Amino acid sequence: MSIQSEAALEKLLIEQLQGLEYEFVKIGDEADMLANLKKQLEIHNELTDAPLSEDEFTQIKHYLNNGGIFERAGLLRNICNLKRDDGSTREIRFLNQEAWCKNEFQVANQ
């Protein structure tokens, strides 16, 4: 039985996930993570022609920043009713629960 370093195991796992079409994303800090979240929400909710403004994205962050870990997991399965800057409302979904395989999957490392 050979011994592998944690770094080697992590590299192998990332390669396996990429082989399953997980997109590798580089997340260096909280700002990178939030920028990636905003981008993915816009893609998932087909908002590429009308991207989220900073105020709209702040509404979503406030929505998600409630309760403990179990409550937050529930929020991800719910719908956020977003009030757009133009006064309209829009449902924001975080996961496609009906066709989960259509969700975008990503992998990052430390």
Protein backbone atom coordinates (compact mmCIF):
# COMPACT_ATOMS: atom_id res chain seq x y z
CA MET A 1 0.00 0.00 0.00
CA SER A 2 1.50 3.30 -1.07
CA ILE A 3 1.15 6.52 0.85
CA GLN A 4 0.02 9.66 -0.96
CA SER A 5 0.24 13.19 0.29
CA GLU A 6 -2.92 15.15 0.90
CA ALA A 7 -1.99 17.42 -2.02
CA ALA A 8 -1.70 14.41 -4.35
CA LEU A 9 -5.07 13.05 -3.23
CA GLU A 10 -6.67 16.47 -3.68
CA LYS A 11 -5.18 16.79 -7.17
CA LEU A 12 -6.49 13.34 -8.13
CA LEU A 13 -9.98 14.13 -6.81
CA ILE A 14 -10.09 17.41 -8.75
CA GLU A 15 -9.00 15.62 -11.92
CA GLN A 16 -11.74 13.01 -11.41
CA LEU A 17 -14.38 15.70 -10.90
CA GLN A 18 -13.18 17.57 -13.98
CA GLY A 19 -13.53 14.31 -15.87
CA LEU A 20 -17.18 14.36 -14.79
CA GLU A 21 -17.46 17.86 -16.32
CA TYR A 22 -17.12 19.84 -13.10
CA GLU A 23 -15.67 23.24 -13.96
CA PHE A 24 -12.51 24.13 -12.02
CA VAL A 25 -12.75 27.63 -10.55
CA LYS A 26 -10.02 29.58 -8.82
CA ILE A 27 -11.36 31.17 -5.66
CA GLY A 28 -8.67 33.24 -3.99
CA ASP A 29 -10.75 35.18 -1.50
CA GLU A 30 -14.29 36.13 -0.49
CA ALA A 31 -14.56 38.68 -3.32
CA ASP A 32 -13.77 35.95 -5.88
CA MET A 33 -16.36 33.66 -4.27
CA LEU A 34 -19.08 36.33 -4.37
CA ALA A 35 -18.25 37.29 -7.97
CA ASN A 36 -18.53 33.62 -8.96
CA LEU A 37 -21.84 33.26 -7.10
CA LYS A 38 -23.26 36.32 -8.88
CA LYS A 39 -22.11 35.05 -12.26
CA GLN A 40 -23.54 31.57 -11.67
CA LEU A 41 -26.89 32.97 -10.47
CA GLU A 42 -27.11 35.09 -13.62
CA ILE A 43 -26.40 32.05 -15.80
CA HIS A 44 -28.74 29.74 -13.87
CA ASN A 45 -31.59 32.27 -13.94
CA GLU A 46 -30.94 33.35 -17.54
CA LEU A 47 -30.09 36.92 -16.56
CA THR A 48 -27.13 37.39 -18.88
CA ASP A 49 -29.01 40.10 -20.84
CA ALA A 50 -30.08 41.87 -17.62
CA PRO A 51 -27.35 41.12 -15.05
CA LEU A 52 -27.92 41.64 -11.35
CA SER A 53 -27.05 45.09 -10.07
CA GLU A 54 -25.04 45.39 -6.87
CA ASP A 55 -28.22 46.35 -4.95
CA GLU A 56 -30.06 43.33 -6.34
CA PHE A 57 -27.18 41.01 -5.49
CA THR A 58 -27.10 42.49 -1.97
CA GLN A 59 -30.79 41.52 -1.60
CA ILE A 60 -29.90 37.94 -2.52
CA LYS A 61 -26.98 37.86 -0.08
CA HIS A 62 -29.29 39.12 2.71
CA TYR A 63 -31.84 36.44 1.79
CA LEU A 64 -29.20 33.71 2.03
CA ASN A 65 -27.67 35.07 5.25
CA ASN A 66 -30.44 33.89 7.57
CA GLY A 67 -30.55 31.15 10.17
CA GLY A 68 -28.17 28.33 10.84
CA ILE A 69 -26.71 25.73 8.50
CA PHE A 70 -29.95 23.73 8.16
CA GLU A 71 -32.09 26.80 7.54
CA ARG A 72 -29.63 28.07 4.94
CA ALA A 73 -29.65 24.73 3.16
CA GLY A 74 -33.43 25.08 2.98
CA LEU A 75 -33.13 28.59 1.55
CA LEU A 76 -31.03 27.22 -1.31
CA ARG A 77 -33.92 24.92 -2.23
CA ASN A 78 -36.47 27.75 -2.07
CA ILE A 79 -37.13 30.67 -4.39
CA CYS A 80 -35.99 34.21 -3.62
CA ASN A 81 -38.44 36.88 -4.78
CA LEU A 82 -36.14 39.63 -5.96
CA LYS A 83 -37.28 43.21 -6.43
CA ARG A 84 -35.41 44.51 -9.47
CA ASP A 85 -34.13 48.08 -9.68
CA ASP A 86 -36.78 48.85 -12.32
CA GLY A 87 -39.57 47.92 -9.85
CA SER A 88 -40.33 44.53 -11.37
CA THR A 89 -40.01 41.31 -9.42
CA ARG A 90 -38.18 38.18 -10.45
CA GLU A 91 -37.96 34.72 -8.93
CA ILE A 92 -34.37 33.67 -8.32
CA ARG A 93 -33.69 29.95 -8.11
CA PHE A 94 -30.49 28.55 -6.69
CA LEU A 95 -30.89 24.92 -7.75
CA ASN A 96 -32.74 23.08 -10.47
CA GLN A 97 -34.48 20.47 -8.34
CA GLU A 98 -36.59 19.00 -11.12
CA ALA A 99 -33.66 18.28 -13.45
CA TRP A 100 -30.69 18.31 -11.08
CA CYS A 101 -28.34 17.12 -13.82
CA LYS A 102 -28.85 20.48 -15.56
CA ASN A 103 -27.21 22.31 -12.64
CA GLU A 104 -23.69 23.62 -13.17
CA PHE A 105 -21.13 21.85 -11.01
CA GLN A 106 -17.84 23.40 -9.99
CA VAL A 107 -14.82 22.37 -7.99
CA ALA A 108 -12.26 24.55 -6.24
CA ASN A 109 -9.40 23.90 -3.89
CA GLN A 110 -7.58 25.74 -1.16
